[in-house]
Structures are given as structure tokens and as C-alpha cells.
Amino acid sequence: MVRIVTDSAADFSPAELEQKNICCIPLKVLFGGEEYEENINLSKDQFYEKLLAFEGFPKTSQAAPAVLAGLFEETKAEGDEIIYFTLSSALSGTWQSAMFIKEDMGYDKAYVVDSRNATGGQRMLVEHAVRLRDQGKCAADIVAEVEALRERIVLYACINTLEYLYRGGRISHLSYALGTLAQIKPIIHVDHAGRVDIPAKAMGMRKGMEHLCKQADAKTPDPEYPLYVMYTNDRSVAETLAVRLAEHGQAVHPDNIIQVGAAIGSHVGPAACGLVYVGKS
């Protein structure tokens, strides 16, 4: 048997995890002295409620290494295979910690895959692995196919506020003040190395959404895979983006509108939206 494991940055709901037989290790979220585990004692809606009320900047930390070590040991004892999909190594130390655990254990049926992505992009890879597992493929073949697919993932998002980039130290006070005054909405992109950059800035959310739609025009989505629209705390923003995408010939199923959790939400803040898909090769 092949066990599929990921962390909560992949943004599956608890019901989806059960349905797809995916094991999920929660990331930790800290608001001051209060610590929570995502999807265990802190739902996504509760996270955004706390985020909006909190004057500081919440911290997220990687999944507890002991939990993953326990899963690896249990898998080894049962003679199964296991694949752990992590949040991008450019954004978190989770991949490095998992590799240390794997190497220390010395089990050649344990695999660690750096998603080089987050939220819908990470989710896309995990879902593909689940499909291959259900087709009866072994872990090595699954990893090879998923790593090939990883190069085709496209993720763009539009941020509605500069507040959380400023709080997190990503931009200066001057950039924050001038950008807020000018209603600038940064466009963020996850590149193929798993790094986040800001390739463009839009004047208002309407133009920001149009920029996202043009990305789908430039790099056509592969219809064999879902096109996900993502949002932070306000689903109506994602629904508006879905309508715009439909006008560009890219229909979005309501089930493919997903909420972003703490790993990314703490940096982009409320009312953000984005899209992720597999580009045609």
C-alpha cells in the first residue's frame, strides 16, 4: 500500500482528506502566546477572524517532526510505501526536516516530495498522486510522474491589501503607505523553484483580476486537470474571479473554489484571490 501524506498548507478540507484517504499533518499557527494547529483546533474561518482582530503578525511553523517520524516508522513496520508532499522548501523548512527524518530512518520506501508550491498548487500534486495510487502504481512511479507534473503548475494571485506584506516585513513603510494611497494590488506568482515573486501591480482589484485572467490566456490550462480559484476570507471575491475567467473561456466548477489557509493567508491577508492550474505541455 502507498500512503499519501501532506501538510495543511495543501488546503484540503477534513472531509476531502477522509474521502481521498490522505493523511494530513497540521501546521502550527501562533497569535502572540496562543498556539493552534490548523484544522485541528483552528478552522480557516476562525483563523481569519483572529487575523483581522490581531494587531501583530501571526507566525506559522512547520509540522511537528515527531508526528512525521511516527508515520514513517509505522509505515516501515507495516512494510508499506509512503510519500510526503511538503510546502515549498523556499517558503518553509518542512522539506528539509522531512528529508533529515527519512535519511535518519534509512527506509528506502519512504519518499519526500518538495511541492515547490503551496495551497492549490500543492493540492494539485497530491490529488494527482492519489489518482495514480488508486490506479495501483508504486510510490517510485507516482513520484516520477508528480515531479514531471510539478513543472507545469501555474499559480497567480491578487492581494487586496498591503497591510500583511508590511506587517510581515516584506515591504517598507513607504511602499506600504504609497501603495495603499494609490490602491495598488500586487500580483504574486509562485515560480518553478517554489519562490514567491511580485511580477506586476494592478490599480484596483478589477484590474488585478483581469491580469489573472490574461495569465490563463497566455498559458492555456490543460483541461485534463482542474482549474482552481482560491480565496482567503471572502468567497464572493473568488466567485467574481470565476465569472471573469468564464468570460475568457475558462469555466470554474463551484467545487473548485477553495479557501486558502494560514500558511499563505497570514501573508496575503483578507479579500485576496488567485488561480492555479496545470498548463498545457
C-alpha atoms as a PDB file:
ATOM      1  CA  MET A   1       0.000   0.000   0.000  1.00  0.00           C
ATOM      2  CA  VAL A   2       1.127   3.546  -0.769  1.00  0.00           C
ATOM      3  CA  ARG A   3       0.365   6.120   1.910  1.00  0.00           C
ATOM      4  CA  ILE A   4      -0.117   9.702   0.735  1.00  0.00           C
ATOM      5  CA  VAL A   5       0.752  12.365   3.309  1.00  0.00           C
ATOM      6  CA  THR A   6       0.827  16.159   3.113  1.00  0.00           C
ATOM      7  CA  ASP A   7       0.598  19.149   5.416  1.00  0.00           C
ATOM      8  CA  SER A   8      -2.278  21.551   5.917  1.00  0.00           C
ATOM      9  CA  ALA A   9      -0.743  24.085   3.506  1.00  0.00           C
ATOM     10  CA  ALA A  10      -2.316  21.973   0.719  1.00  0.00           C
ATOM     11  CA  ASP A  11      -5.707  23.351   1.826  1.00  0.00           C
ATOM     12  CA  PHE A  12      -7.830  20.224   1.776  1.00  0.00           C
ATOM     13  CA  SER A  13     -10.918  20.212   3.952  1.00  0.00           C
ATOM     14  CA  PRO A  14     -11.142  17.474   6.609  1.00  0.00           C
ATOM     15  CA  ALA A  15     -13.933  15.819   4.597  1.00  0.00           C
ATOM     16  CA  GLU A  16     -11.799  15.777   1.435  1.00  0.00           C
ATOM     17  CA  LEU A  17      -8.889  14.229   3.305  1.00  0.00           C
ATOM     18  CA  GLU A  18     -11.090  11.407   4.540  1.00  0.00           C
ATOM     19  CA  GLN A  19     -12.706  10.873   1.148  1.00  0.00           C
ATOM     20  CA  LYS A  20      -9.380  10.727  -0.698  1.00  0.00           C
ATOM     21  CA  ASN A  21      -7.574   8.747   2.045  1.00  0.00           C
ATOM     22  CA  ILE A  22      -4.888  11.393   2.581  1.00  0.00           C
ATOM     23  CA  CYS A  23      -3.070  11.823   5.876  1.00  0.00           C
ATOM     24  CA  CYS A  24      -2.559  15.500   6.734  1.00  0.00           C
ATOM     25  CA  ILE A  25      -0.122  16.898   9.291  1.00  0.00           C
ATOM     26  CA  PRO A  26      -1.310  20.254  10.647  1.00  0.00           C
ATOM     27  CA  LEU A  27       0.876  23.328  10.560  1.00  0.00           C
ATOM     28  CA  LYS A  28       1.030  25.392  13.748  1.00  0.00           C
ATOM     29  CA  VAL A  29      -0.279  28.951  13.944  1.00  0.00           C
ATOM     30  CA  LEU A  30       0.735  31.354  16.702  1.00  0.00           C
ATOM     31  CA  PHE A  31      -1.142  34.521  17.648  1.00  0.00           C
ATOM     32  CA  GLY A  32       1.053  36.044  20.300  1.00  0.00           C
ATOM     33  CA  GLY A  33       1.219  33.466  23.084  1.00  0.00           C
ATOM     34  CA  GLU A  34      -1.664  31.383  21.712  1.00  0.00           C
ATOM     35  CA  GLU A  35      -0.736  28.319  19.632  1.00  0.00           C
ATOM     36  CA  TYR A  36      -3.134  26.424  17.370  1.00  0.00           C
ATOM     37  CA  GLU A  37      -2.998  23.502  14.950  1.00  0.00           C
ATOM     38  CA  GLU A  38      -4.595  24.225  11.619  1.00  0.00           C
ATOM     39  CA  ASN A  39      -7.815  22.246  11.002  1.00  0.00           C
ATOM     40  CA  ILE A  40      -7.498  20.632  14.433  1.00  0.00           C
ATOM     41  CA  ASN A  41      -8.445  23.397  16.845  1.00  0.00           C
ATOM     42  CA  LEU A  42      -8.442  26.254  14.346  1.00  0.00           C
ATOM     43  CA  SER A  43     -10.641  26.251  11.252  1.00  0.00           C
ATOM     44  CA  LYS A  44      -9.882  28.517   8.312  1.00  0.00           C
ATOM     45  CA  ASP A  45     -12.775  30.818   9.155  1.00  0.00           C
ATOM     46  CA  GLN A  46     -11.576  31.037  12.753  1.00  0.00           C
ATOM     47  CA  PHE A  47      -8.075  31.819  11.509  1.00  0.00           C
ATOM     48  CA  TYR A  48      -9.305  34.836   9.523  1.00  0.00           C
ATOM     49  CA  GLU A  49     -11.436  36.048  12.403  1.00  0.00           C
ATOM     50  CA  LYS A  50      -8.333  36.056  14.589  1.00  0.00           C
ATOM     51  CA  LEU A  51      -6.178  37.540  11.830  1.00  0.00           C
ATOM     52  CA  LEU A  52      -8.483  40.537  11.406  1.00  0.00           C
ATOM     53  CA  ALA A  53      -8.663  41.113  15.161  1.00  0.00           C
ATOM     54  CA  PHE A  54      -4.929  40.635  15.829  1.00  0.00           C
ATOM     55  CA  GLU A  55      -2.756  43.767  15.791  1.00  0.00           C
ATOM     56  CA  GLY A  56       0.504  41.918  15.263  1.00  0.00           C
ATOM     57  CA  PHE A  57       1.624  39.375  12.688  1.00  0.00           C
ATOM     58  CA  PRO A  58       0.769  35.695  13.243  1.00  0.00           C
ATOM     59  CA  LYS A  59       3.509  33.131  12.887  1.00  0.00           C
ATOM     60  CA  THR A  60       3.195  29.774  11.215  1.00  0.00           C
ATOM     61  CA  SER A  61       5.572  26.921  11.914  1.00  0.00           C
ATOM     62  CA  GLN A  62       6.194  23.586  10.261  1.00  0.00           C
ATOM     63  CA  ALA A  63       4.512  20.381  11.244  1.00  0.00           C
ATOM     64  CA  ALA A  64       5.880  18.653  14.335  1.00  0.00           C
ATOM     65  CA  PRO A  65       8.805  16.420  13.222  1.00  0.00           C
ATOM     66  CA  ALA A  66       7.799  13.769  15.778  1.00  0.00           C
ATOM     67  CA  VAL A  67       4.453  13.298  14.031  1.00  0.00           C
ATOM     68  CA  LEU A  68       6.095  12.643  10.666  1.00  0.00           C
ATOM     69  CA  ALA A  69       8.741  10.394  12.234  1.00  0.00           C
ATOM     70  CA  GLY A  70       5.956   8.359  13.804  1.00  0.00           C
ATOM     71  CA  LEU A  71       4.200   7.983  10.447  1.00  0.00           C
ATOM     72  CA  PHE A  72       7.423   6.881   8.759  1.00  0.00           C
ATOM     73  CA  GLU A  73       8.175   4.350  11.493  1.00  0.00           C
ATOM     74  CA  GLU A  74       4.632   2.964  11.386  1.00  0.00           C
ATOM     75  CA  THR A  75       4.831   2.638   7.596  1.00  0.00           C
ATOM     76  CA  LYS A  76       8.184   0.880   7.821  1.00  0.00           C
ATOM     77  CA  ALA A  77       6.866  -1.545  10.448  1.00  0.00           C
ATOM     78  CA  GLU A  78       3.977  -2.491   8.151  1.00  0.00           C
ATOM     79  CA  GLY A  79       6.139  -2.732   5.033  1.00  0.00           C
ATOM     80  CA  ASP A  80       4.158  -0.066   3.173  1.00  0.00           C
ATOM     81  CA  GLU A  81       5.363   2.792   0.993  1.00  0.00           C
ATOM     82  CA  ILE A  82       4.858   6.442   1.937  1.00  0.00           C
ATOM     83  CA  ILE A  83       5.085   9.739   0.034  1.00  0.00           C
ATOM     84  CA  TYR A  84       5.103  13.023   1.914  1.00  0.00           C
ATOM     85  CA  PHE A  85       4.303  16.181  -0.072  1.00  0.00           C
ATOM     86  CA  THR A  86       5.586  19.320   1.624  1.00  0.00           C
ATOM     87  CA  LEU A  87       5.009  23.028   1.341  1.00  0.00           C
ATOM     88  CA  SER A  88       7.642  24.628  -0.925  1.00  0.00           C
ATOM     89  CA  SER A  89      11.137  24.402   0.547  1.00  0.00           C
ATOM     90  CA  ALA A  90      11.596  28.063  -0.443  1.00  0.00           C
ATOM     91  CA  LEU A  91       8.816  29.010   1.970  1.00  0.00           C
ATOM     92  CA  SER A  92       9.281  26.597   4.864  1.00  0.00           C
ATOM     93  CA  GLY A  93      11.807  24.284   6.497  1.00  0.00           C
ATOM     94  CA  THR A  94       9.347  21.367   6.350  1.00  0.00           C
ATOM     95  CA  TRP A  95      11.037  19.654   3.383  1.00  0.00           C
ATOM     96  CA  GLN A  96      14.480  19.847   4.969  1.00  0.00           C
ATOM     97  CA  SER A  97      13.182  18.413   8.262  1.00  0.00           C
ATOM     98  CA  ALA A  98      11.376  15.605   6.455  1.00  0.00           C
ATOM     99  CA  MET A  99      14.486  14.702   4.475  1.00  0.00           C
ATOM    100  CA  PHE A 100      16.514  14.521   7.698  1.00  0.00           C
ATOM    101  CA  ILE A 101      13.920  12.167   9.231  1.00  0.00           C
ATOM    102  CA  LYS A 102      13.860   9.987   6.113  1.00  0.00           C
ATOM    103  CA  GLU A 103      17.645   9.732   5.928  1.00  0.00           C
ATOM    104  CA  ASP A 104      17.979   9.088   9.648  1.00  0.00           C
ATOM    105  CA  MET A 105      15.440   6.268   9.424  1.00  0.00           C
ATOM    106  CA  GLY A 106      17.042   4.728   6.336  1.00  0.00           C
ATOM    107  CA  TYR A 107      13.828   3.373   4.811  1.00  0.00           C
ATOM    108  CA  ASP A 108      14.013   3.227   1.026  1.00  0.00           C
ATOM    109  CA  LYS A 109      10.236   3.030   0.629  1.00  0.00           C
ATOM    110  CA  ALA A 110       9.775   6.498   2.141  1.00  0.00           C
ATOM    111  CA  TYR A 111       9.733   9.441  -0.290  1.00  0.00           C
ATOM    112  CA  VAL A 112       9.668  13.188   0.346  1.00  0.00           C
ATOM    113  CA  VAL A 113       8.467  15.466  -2.470  1.00  0.00           C
ATOM    114  CA  ASP A 114       9.055  19.208  -2.393  1.00  0.00           C
ATOM    115  CA  SER A 115       5.865  20.582  -3.956  1.00  0.00           C
ATOM    116  CA  ARG A 116       7.705  23.831  -4.810  1.00  0.00           C
ATOM    117  CA  ASN A 117       4.285  25.313  -4.313  1.00  0.00           C
ATOM    118  CA  ALA A 118       1.540  25.911  -1.768  1.00  0.00           C
ATOM    119  CA  THR A 119      -2.242  25.939  -1.396  1.00  0.00           C
ATOM    120  CA  GLY A 120      -3.899  24.921  -4.718  1.00  0.00           C
ATOM    121  CA  GLY A 121      -0.583  24.073  -6.393  1.00  0.00           C
ATOM    122  CA  GLN A 122       0.440  21.706  -3.629  1.00  0.00           C
ATOM    123  CA  ARG A 123      -3.080  20.293  -3.580  1.00  0.00           C
ATOM    124  CA  MET A 124      -2.950  19.630  -7.339  1.00  0.00           C
ATOM    125  CA  LEU A 125       0.129  17.429  -6.960  1.00  0.00           C
ATOM    126  CA  VAL A 126      -1.312  15.492  -4.025  1.00  0.00           C
ATOM    127  CA  GLU A 127      -4.543  14.832  -5.913  1.00  0.00           C
ATOM    128  CA  HIS A 128      -2.613  13.528  -8.907  1.00  0.00           C
ATOM    129  CA  ALA A 129      -0.676  11.215  -6.600  1.00  0.00           C
ATOM    130  CA  VAL A 130      -3.963   9.928  -5.172  1.00  0.00           C
ATOM    131  CA  ARG A 131      -5.249   9.142  -8.680  1.00  0.00           C
ATOM    132  CA  LEU A 132      -2.062   7.243  -9.507  1.00  0.00           C
ATOM    133  CA  ARG A 133      -2.164   5.390  -6.178  1.00  0.00           C
ATOM    134  CA  ASP A 134      -5.747   4.339  -6.866  1.00  0.00           C
ATOM    135  CA  GLN A 135      -4.625   3.045 -10.256  1.00  0.00           C
ATOM    136  CA  GLY A 136      -2.245   0.713  -8.424  1.00  0.00           C
ATOM    137  CA  LYS A 137       1.041   2.450  -9.217  1.00  0.00           C
ATOM    138  CA  CYS A 138       4.017   2.102  -6.884  1.00  0.00           C
ATOM    139  CA  ALA A 139       5.485   5.026  -4.962  1.00  0.00           C
ATOM    140  CA  ALA A 140       8.541   5.440  -7.214  1.00  0.00           C
ATOM    141  CA  ASP A 141       6.367   5.728 -10.340  1.00  0.00           C
ATOM    142  CA  ILE A 142       3.995   8.138  -8.587  1.00  0.00           C
ATOM    143  CA  VAL A 143       6.862  10.380  -7.519  1.00  0.00           C
ATOM    144  CA  ALA A 144       8.332  10.424 -11.038  1.00  0.00           C
ATOM    145  CA  GLU A 145       5.007  11.411 -12.621  1.00  0.00           C
ATOM    146  CA  VAL A 146       4.199  14.017  -9.993  1.00  0.00           C
ATOM    147  CA  GLU A 147       7.626  15.655 -10.259  1.00  0.00           C
ATOM    148  CA  ALA A 148       7.124  15.933 -14.027  1.00  0.00           C
ATOM    149  CA  LEU A 149       3.692  17.497 -13.491  1.00  0.00           C
ATOM    150  CA  ARG A 150       5.146  19.934 -10.934  1.00  0.00           C
ATOM    151  CA  GLU A 151       6.931  21.829 -13.723  1.00  0.00           C
ATOM    152  CA  ARG A 152       3.591  22.651 -15.344  1.00  0.00           C
ATOM    153  CA  ILE A 153       1.825  24.168 -12.346  1.00  0.00           C
ATOM    154  CA  VAL A 154       0.810  27.829 -12.795  1.00  0.00           C
ATOM    155  CA  LEU A 155      -0.162  29.923  -9.747  1.00  0.00           C
ATOM    156  CA  TYR A 156      -1.028  33.632  -9.662  1.00  0.00           C
ATOM    157  CA  ALA A 157      -2.896  35.650  -7.058  1.00  0.00           C
ATOM    158  CA  CYS A 158      -4.009  39.217  -6.440  1.00  0.00           C
ATOM    159  CA  ILE A 159      -3.625  40.768  -2.989  1.00  0.00           C
ATOM    160  CA  ASN A 160      -6.265  43.254  -1.877  1.00  0.00           C
ATOM    161  CA  THR A 161      -4.241  44.895   0.906  1.00  0.00           C
ATOM    162  CA  LEU A 162      -0.575  45.657   1.514  1.00  0.00           C
ATOM    163  CA  GLU A 163      -1.106  45.517   5.280  1.00  0.00           C
ATOM    164  CA  TYR A 164       0.109  41.963   5.809  1.00  0.00           C
ATOM    165  CA  LEU A 165       3.103  42.228   3.494  1.00  0.00           C
ATOM    166  CA  TYR A 166       4.087  45.262   5.556  1.00  0.00           C
ATOM    167  CA  ARG A 167       3.460  43.574   8.915  1.00  0.00           C
ATOM    168  CA  GLY A 168       5.496  40.576   7.801  1.00  0.00           C
ATOM    169  CA  GLY A 169       8.419  42.791   6.797  1.00  0.00           C
ATOM    170  CA  ARG A 170       8.095  42.093   3.066  1.00  0.00           C
ATOM    171  CA  ILE A 171       7.731  45.772   2.085  1.00  0.00           C
ATOM    172  CA  SER A 172       8.852  49.079   3.613  1.00  0.00           C
ATOM    173  CA  HIS A 173       6.595  51.550   5.396  1.00  0.00           C
ATOM    174  CA  LEU A 174       6.992  53.991   2.493  1.00  0.00           C
ATOM    175  CA  SER A 175       5.966  51.368  -0.088  1.00  0.00           C
ATOM    176  CA  TYR A 176       3.049  50.398   2.121  1.00  0.00           C
ATOM    177  CA  ALA A 177       1.847  53.990   2.556  1.00  0.00           C
ATOM    178  CA  LEU A 178       2.222  54.991  -1.099  1.00  0.00           C
ATOM    179  CA  GLY A 179       0.789  51.725  -2.398  1.00  0.00           C
ATOM    180  CA  THR A 180      -2.239  51.928  -0.127  1.00  0.00           C
ATOM    181  CA  LEU A 181      -2.890  55.524  -1.193  1.00  0.00           C
ATOM    182  CA  ALA A 182      -2.683  54.547  -4.864  1.00  0.00           C
ATOM    183  CA  GLN A 183      -4.900  51.456  -4.404  1.00  0.00           C
ATOM    184  CA  ILE A 184      -2.113  49.223  -5.681  1.00  0.00           C
ATOM    185  CA  LYS A 185      -2.894  45.496  -5.684  1.00  0.00           C
ATOM    186  CA  PRO A 186       0.226  43.315  -6.039  1.00  0.00           C
ATOM    187  CA  ILE A 187       0.112  40.283  -8.303  1.00  0.00           C
ATOM    188  CA  ILE A 188       2.030  37.388  -6.755  1.00  0.00           C
ATOM    189  CA  HIS A 189       3.381  34.369  -8.579  1.00  0.00           C
ATOM    190  CA  VAL A 190       4.981  31.111  -7.473  1.00  0.00           C
ATOM    191  CA  ASP A 191       7.807  30.211  -9.842  1.00  0.00           C
ATOM    192  CA  HIS A 192       9.044  26.708 -10.693  1.00  0.00           C
ATOM    193  CA  ALA A 193      11.628  26.843  -7.907  1.00  0.00           C
ATOM    194  CA  GLY A 194       8.828  27.428  -5.403  1.00  0.00           C
ATOM    195  CA  ARG A 195       9.734  31.060  -4.743  1.00  0.00           C
ATOM    196  CA  VAL A 196       7.163  33.858  -4.496  1.00  0.00           C
ATOM    197  CA  ASP A 197       7.686  36.996  -6.546  1.00  0.00           C
ATOM    198  CA  ILE A 198       5.614  40.051  -7.479  1.00  0.00           C
ATOM    199  CA  PRO A 199       5.761  40.299 -11.286  1.00  0.00           C
ATOM    200  CA  ALA A 200       3.122  43.030 -11.610  1.00  0.00           C
ATOM    201  CA  LYS A 201       0.963  45.533  -9.742  1.00  0.00           C
ATOM    202  CA  ALA A 202      -2.597  46.473 -10.613  1.00  0.00           C
ATOM    203  CA  MET A 203      -4.584  49.597  -9.880  1.00  0.00           C
ATOM    204  CA  GLY A 204      -7.569  48.079  -8.079  1.00  0.00           C
ATOM    205  CA  MET A 205      -8.956  44.554  -7.768  1.00  0.00           C
ATOM    206  CA  ARG A 206     -10.859  44.734 -11.039  1.00  0.00           C
ATOM    207  CA  LYS A 207      -7.642  45.206 -12.996  1.00  0.00           C
ATOM    208  CA  GLY A 208      -5.925  42.686 -10.759  1.00  0.00           C
ATOM    209  CA  MET A 209      -8.465  40.021 -11.690  1.00  0.00           C
ATOM    210  CA  GLU A 210      -8.107  40.939 -15.347  1.00  0.00           C
ATOM    211  CA  HIS A 211      -4.368  40.356 -15.035  1.00  0.00           C
ATOM    212  CA  LEU A 212      -5.006  36.868 -13.634  1.00  0.00           C
ATOM    213  CA  CYS A 213      -7.354  36.066 -16.493  1.00  0.00           C
ATOM    214  CA  LYS A 214      -4.734  37.159 -19.007  1.00  0.00           C
ATOM    215  CA  GLN A 215      -2.281  34.708 -17.455  1.00  0.00           C
ATOM    216  CA  ALA A 216      -4.724  31.901 -18.287  1.00  0.00           C
ATOM    217  CA  ASP A 217      -4.988  33.295 -21.816  1.00  0.00           C
ATOM    218  CA  ALA A 218      -1.210  33.329 -22.200  1.00  0.00           C
ATOM    219  CA  LYS A 219      -0.595  29.869 -20.734  1.00  0.00           C
ATOM    220  CA  THR A 220      -3.607  27.706 -21.592  1.00  0.00           C
ATOM    221  CA  PRO A 221      -4.893  25.409 -18.825  1.00  0.00           C
ATOM    222  CA  ASP A 222      -4.845  21.678 -19.552  1.00  0.00           C
ATOM    223  CA  PRO A 223      -8.491  20.525 -19.374  1.00  0.00           C
ATOM    224  CA  GLU A 224      -7.405  17.129 -18.017  1.00  0.00           C
ATOM    225  CA  TYR A 225      -6.756  18.816 -14.672  1.00  0.00           C
ATOM    226  CA  PRO A 226      -8.905  21.115 -12.538  1.00  0.00           C
ATOM    227  CA  LEU A 227      -8.597  24.872 -12.595  1.00  0.00           C
ATOM    228  CA  TYR A 228      -8.815  26.109  -9.004  1.00  0.00           C
ATOM    229  CA  VAL A 229      -9.848  29.568  -7.908  1.00  0.00           C
ATOM    230  CA  MET A 230      -8.619  30.451  -4.427  1.00  0.00           C
ATOM    231  CA  TYR A 231      -9.709  32.968  -1.819  1.00  0.00           C
ATOM    232  CA  THR A 232      -8.797  33.913   1.730  1.00  0.00           C
ATOM    233  CA  ASN A 233     -11.778  35.001   3.842  1.00  0.00           C
ATOM    234  CA  ASP A 234     -14.330  36.204   1.268  1.00  0.00           C
ATOM    235  CA  ARG A 235     -15.681  33.603  -1.150  1.00  0.00           C
ATOM    236  CA  SER A 236     -17.558  36.255  -3.151  1.00  0.00           C
ATOM    237  CA  VAL A 237     -14.202  37.620  -4.381  1.00  0.00           C
ATOM    238  CA  ALA A 238     -13.362  34.181  -5.801  1.00  0.00           C
ATOM    239  CA  GLU A 239     -16.804  33.869  -7.334  1.00  0.00           C
ATOM    240  CA  THR A 240     -16.269  37.184  -9.110  1.00  0.00           C
ATOM    241  CA  LEU A 241     -12.936  35.942 -10.443  1.00  0.00           C
ATOM    242  CA  ALA A 242     -14.621  32.718 -11.597  1.00  0.00           C
ATOM    243  CA  VAL A 243     -17.129  34.771 -13.597  1.00  0.00           C
ATOM    244  CA  ARG A 244     -14.297  36.740 -15.197  1.00  0.00           C
ATOM    245  CA  LEU A 245     -12.468  33.527 -16.084  1.00  0.00           C
ATOM    246  CA  ALA A 246     -15.627  32.132 -17.672  1.00  0.00           C
ATOM    247  CA  GLU A 247     -15.742  35.241 -19.876  1.00  0.00           C
ATOM    248  CA  HIS A 248     -12.251  34.246 -21.011  1.00  0.00           C
ATOM    249  CA  GLY A 249     -13.432  30.722 -21.843  1.00  0.00           C
ATOM    250  CA  GLN A 250     -12.300  29.052 -18.600  1.00  0.00           C
ATOM    251  CA  ALA A 251     -15.260  27.635 -16.692  1.00  0.00           C
ATOM    252  CA  VAL A 252     -14.706  27.017 -12.974  1.00  0.00           C
ATOM    253  CA  HIS A 253     -16.777  24.394 -11.168  1.00  0.00           C
ATOM    254  CA  PRO A 254     -18.099  25.638  -7.784  1.00  0.00           C
ATOM    255  CA  ASP A 255     -16.350  22.698  -6.086  1.00  0.00           C
ATOM    256  CA  ASN A 256     -13.053  24.038  -7.431  1.00  0.00           C
ATOM    257  CA  ILE A 257     -13.279  27.267  -5.456  1.00  0.00           C
ATOM    258  CA  ILE A 258     -11.066  26.649  -2.432  1.00  0.00           C
ATOM    259  CA  GLN A 259     -10.213  28.606   0.685  1.00  0.00           C
ATOM    260  CA  VAL A 260      -6.573  29.384   1.469  1.00  0.00           C
ATOM    261  CA  GLY A 261      -5.383  28.576   4.977  1.00  0.00           C
ATOM    262  CA  ALA A 262      -2.891  30.089   7.381  1.00  0.00           C
ATOM    263  CA  ALA A 263       0.357  29.209   5.569  1.00  0.00           C
ATOM    264  CA  ILE A 264      -0.356  31.712   2.793  1.00  0.00           C
ATOM    265  CA  GLY A 265      -3.303  33.642   4.257  1.00  0.00           C
ATOM    266  CA  SER A 266      -1.188  35.129   7.037  1.00  0.00           C
ATOM    267  CA  HIS A 267       0.990  36.848   4.392  1.00  0.00           C
ATOM    268  CA  VAL A 268      -1.639  37.989   1.879  1.00  0.00           C
ATOM    269  CA  GLY A 269      -4.490  38.942   4.208  1.00  0.00           C
ATOM    270  CA  PRO A 270      -8.229  39.232   3.594  1.00  0.00           C
ATOM    271  CA  ALA A 271     -10.127  39.554   0.299  1.00  0.00           C
ATOM    272  CA  ALA A 272      -7.299  38.084  -1.788  1.00  0.00           C
ATOM    273  CA  CYS A 273      -7.947  35.731  -4.707  1.00  0.00           C
ATOM    274  CA  GLY A 274      -5.938  33.610  -7.083  1.00  0.00           C
ATOM    275  CA  LEU A 275      -5.936  30.800  -9.594  1.00  0.00           C
ATOM    276  CA  VAL A 276      -3.882  27.670 -10.079  1.00  0.00           C
ATOM    277  CA  TYR A 277      -3.878  25.151 -12.890  1.00  0.00           C
ATOM    278  CA  VAL A 278      -1.747  22.824 -14.963  1.00  0.00           C
ATOM    279  CA  GLY A 279      -0.588  24.451 -18.177  1.00  0.00           C
ATOM    280  CA  LYS A 280      -0.688  22.570 -21.447  1.00  0.00           C
ATOM    281  CA  SER A 281       2.680  20.990 -22.169  1.00  0.00           C
END
